[in-house]
Protein backbone atom coordinates (compact mmCIF):
# COMPACT_ATOMS: atom_id res chain seq x y z
CA UNK A 1 -22.76 113.77 40.79
CA UNK A 2 -25.85 111.49 40.63
CA UNK A 3 -26.71 108.65 38.28
CA UNK A 4 -29.09 110.72 36.17
CA UNK A 5 -26.91 113.42 36.04
CA UNK A 6 -24.28 111.08 34.44
CA UNK A 7 -26.79 109.87 32.18
CA UNK A 8 -27.15 113.64 30.70
CA UNK A 9 -23.69 114.60 31.13
CA UNK A 10 -23.08 111.12 28.69
CA UNK A 11 -26.50 111.49 26.73
CA UNK A 12 -26.18 114.85 25.45
CA UNK A 13 -22.86 115.49 25.31
CA UNK A 14 -21.60 112.50 24.02
CA UNK A 15 -22.38 109.03 22.40
CA UNK A 16 -23.25 106.51 25.43
CA UNK A 17 -20.02 105.17 26.64
CA UNK A 18 -19.63 101.40 27.87
CA UNK A 19 -16.83 102.01 30.25
CA UNK A 20 -17.21 104.89 32.78
CA UNK A 21 -16.82 106.12 36.40
CA UNK A 22 -18.66 109.19 37.48
CA UNK A 23 -16.59 111.58 40.13
CA UNK A 24 -18.20 114.15 42.50
CA UNK A 25 -16.19 117.30 42.86
CA UNK A 26 -13.55 115.65 45.51
CA UNK A 27 -12.78 112.98 42.79
CA UNK A 28 -15.00 110.20 44.99
CA UNK A 29 -16.64 107.66 43.14
CA UNK A 30 -20.58 107.93 42.93
CA UNK A 31 -20.89 105.67 40.25
CA UNK A 32 -19.21 102.86 37.99
CA UNK A 33 -20.68 101.44 34.96
CA UNK A 34 -21.69 97.67 34.27
CA UNK A 35 -18.24 96.88 32.07
CA UNK A 36 -16.18 98.29 35.49
CA UNK A 37 -18.49 97.01 38.30
CA UNK A 38 -16.59 94.04 38.94
CA UNK A 39 -13.28 95.91 39.18
CA UNK A 40 -14.24 99.32 40.64
CA UNK A 41 -17.72 98.88 42.74
CA UNK A 42 -15.61 98.21 46.21
CA UNK A 43 -14.66 101.64 45.52
CA UNK A 44 -17.74 103.30 45.29
CA UNK A 45 -18.07 106.12 47.77
CA UNK A 46 -13.87 106.19 48.01
CA UNK A 47 -11.85 108.87 46.59
CA UNK A 48 -10.30 107.46 43.93
CA UNK A 49 -6.71 108.67 45.15
CA UNK A 50 -6.91 106.43 48.25
CA UNK A 51 -6.78 103.26 45.77
CA UNK A 52 -4.68 104.68 43.25
CA UNK A 53 -2.52 107.29 44.78
CA UNK A 54 0.37 107.31 41.91
CA UNK A 55 -2.26 107.92 39.54
CA UNK A 56 -3.15 111.34 40.51
CA UNK A 57 -0.17 113.04 38.97
CA UNK A 58 -1.29 110.97 35.67
CA UNK A 59 -5.05 111.22 35.64
CA UNK A 60 -5.34 114.23 37.47
CA UNK A 61 -4.33 116.90 34.83
CA UNK A 62 -6.93 115.43 32.30
CA UNK A 63 -9.75 116.05 35.25
CA UNK A 64 -8.45 119.67 36.12
CA UNK A 65 -8.43 120.56 32.22
CA UNK A 66 -12.09 119.32 31.77
CA UNK A 67 -13.29 120.88 35.36
CA UNK A 68 -11.19 124.18 34.47
CA UNK A 69 -12.10 124.33 30.97
CA UNK A 70 -15.76 122.92 31.09
CA UNK A 71 -15.17 121.56 28.15
CA UNK A 72 -14.45 117.24 27.31
CA UNK A 73 -10.76 116.14 27.36
CA UNK A 74 -9.22 113.16 26.67
CA UNK A 75 -5.49 112.00 27.52
CA UNK A 76 -3.85 109.01 26.76
CA UNK A 77 -2.57 107.54 29.85
CA UNK A 78 -0.01 105.08 30.59
CA UNK A 79 -0.06 103.67 34.14
CA UNK A 80 0.14 100.19 36.08
CA UNK A 81 1.25 98.66 32.87
CA UNK A 82 -1.91 99.85 31.08
CA UNK A 83 -2.54 102.13 28.23
CA UNK A 84 -5.85 103.63 28.31
CA UNK A 85 -7.71 106.79 27.02
CA UNK A 86 -9.64 108.78 28.95
CA UNK A 87 -12.50 111.10 28.11
CA UNK A 88 -13.38 113.40 31.12
CA UNK A 89 -16.67 114.76 30.41
CA UNK A 90 -17.45 117.81 32.86
CA UNK A 91 -20.64 118.54 34.88
CA UNK A 92 -21.57 120.87 37.69
CA UNK A 93 -20.79 118.73 40.07
CA UNK A 94 -18.43 116.38 38.88
CA UNK A 95 -16.96 114.23 35.92
CA UNK A 96 -17.77 111.62 34.03
CA UNK A 97 -14.92 109.44 33.15
CA UNK A 98 -14.91 107.31 29.85
CA UNK A 99 -12.17 104.29 29.99
CA UNK A 100 -10.98 102.87 26.89
CA UNK A 101 -8.52 100.64 27.36
CA UNK A 102 -5.91 100.33 24.55
CA UNK A 103 -3.18 97.98 26.06
CA UNK A 104 -2.05 96.11 28.62
CA UNK A 105 1.58 94.47 29.24
CA UNK A 106 1.56 90.87 29.10
CA UNK A 107 4.72 89.24 31.03
CA UNK A 108 3.54 85.40 30.84
CA UNK A 109 6.72 84.78 28.47
CA UNK A 110 9.13 87.32 26.40
CA UNK A 111 6.69 86.50 23.26
CA UNK A 112 3.90 87.86 25.01
CA UNK A 113 5.55 90.40 26.30
CA UNK A 114 7.08 91.24 23.18
CA UNK A 115 3.73 91.69 21.31
CA UNK A 116 2.23 93.97 23.92
CA UNK A 117 5.20 96.15 23.89
CA UNK A 118 4.55 96.44 20.33
CA UNK A 119 1.21 97.35 20.24
CA UNK A 120 1.34 99.86 23.46
CA UNK A 121 3.88 101.35 20.94
CA UNK A 122 1.88 101.38 18.07
CA UNK A 123 -0.69 102.75 19.81
CA UNK A 124 1.50 105.58 21.36
CA UNK A 125 3.13 105.85 17.58
CA UNK A 126 -0.49 106.67 16.04
CA UNK A 127 -0.96 109.07 18.83
CA UNK A 128 2.39 111.36 17.95
CA UNK A 129 1.59 111.37 14.88
CA UNK A 130 -2.35 113.01 14.78
CA UNK A 131 -1.75 117.27 14.78
CA UNK A 132 -0.69 119.05 17.94
CA UNK A 133 -3.25 121.34 19.40
CA UNK A 134 -2.23 125.00 18.43
CA UNK A 135 -2.52 126.53 21.79
CA UNK A 136 0.36 123.92 22.98
CA UNK A 137 3.75 125.64 21.64
CA UNK A 138 1.66 129.06 23.18
CA UNK A 139 1.57 127.77 26.52
CA UNK A 140 5.41 127.14 26.87
CA UNK A 141 6.76 130.43 25.86
CA UNK A 142 8.19 132.50 28.39
CA UNK A 143 6.25 135.73 29.47
CA UNK A 144 8.14 138.73 29.23
């Protein structure tokens, strides 16, 4: 996916995002936003899962749903001590994935660990109180 395609996806279907990556159809990173450039620039041209192999089972379902349905999919994920909200925005030739950092474990002291766990717990509790998608219970029913 070209940078202009990412701009089209982000500009036309969603408000501009500041922290995002653009993946091609094989989950190869083709663009990194300036906010993530310092930490992810060396990964451009590489498949995301080559650098985060355990993340494919956590991030992958969100990406797959966006590609399958053709709709923007939001997912709250916890991976490697960080809580993030991912918003996968599909395009013909890939995905733009907005990354919003919601919390991170801070193990500097017992106090900072306790505080960071409380923040993550509050973010997760807020998500749990949101209305559930009505399609979810139906998808869990056994077929006749």
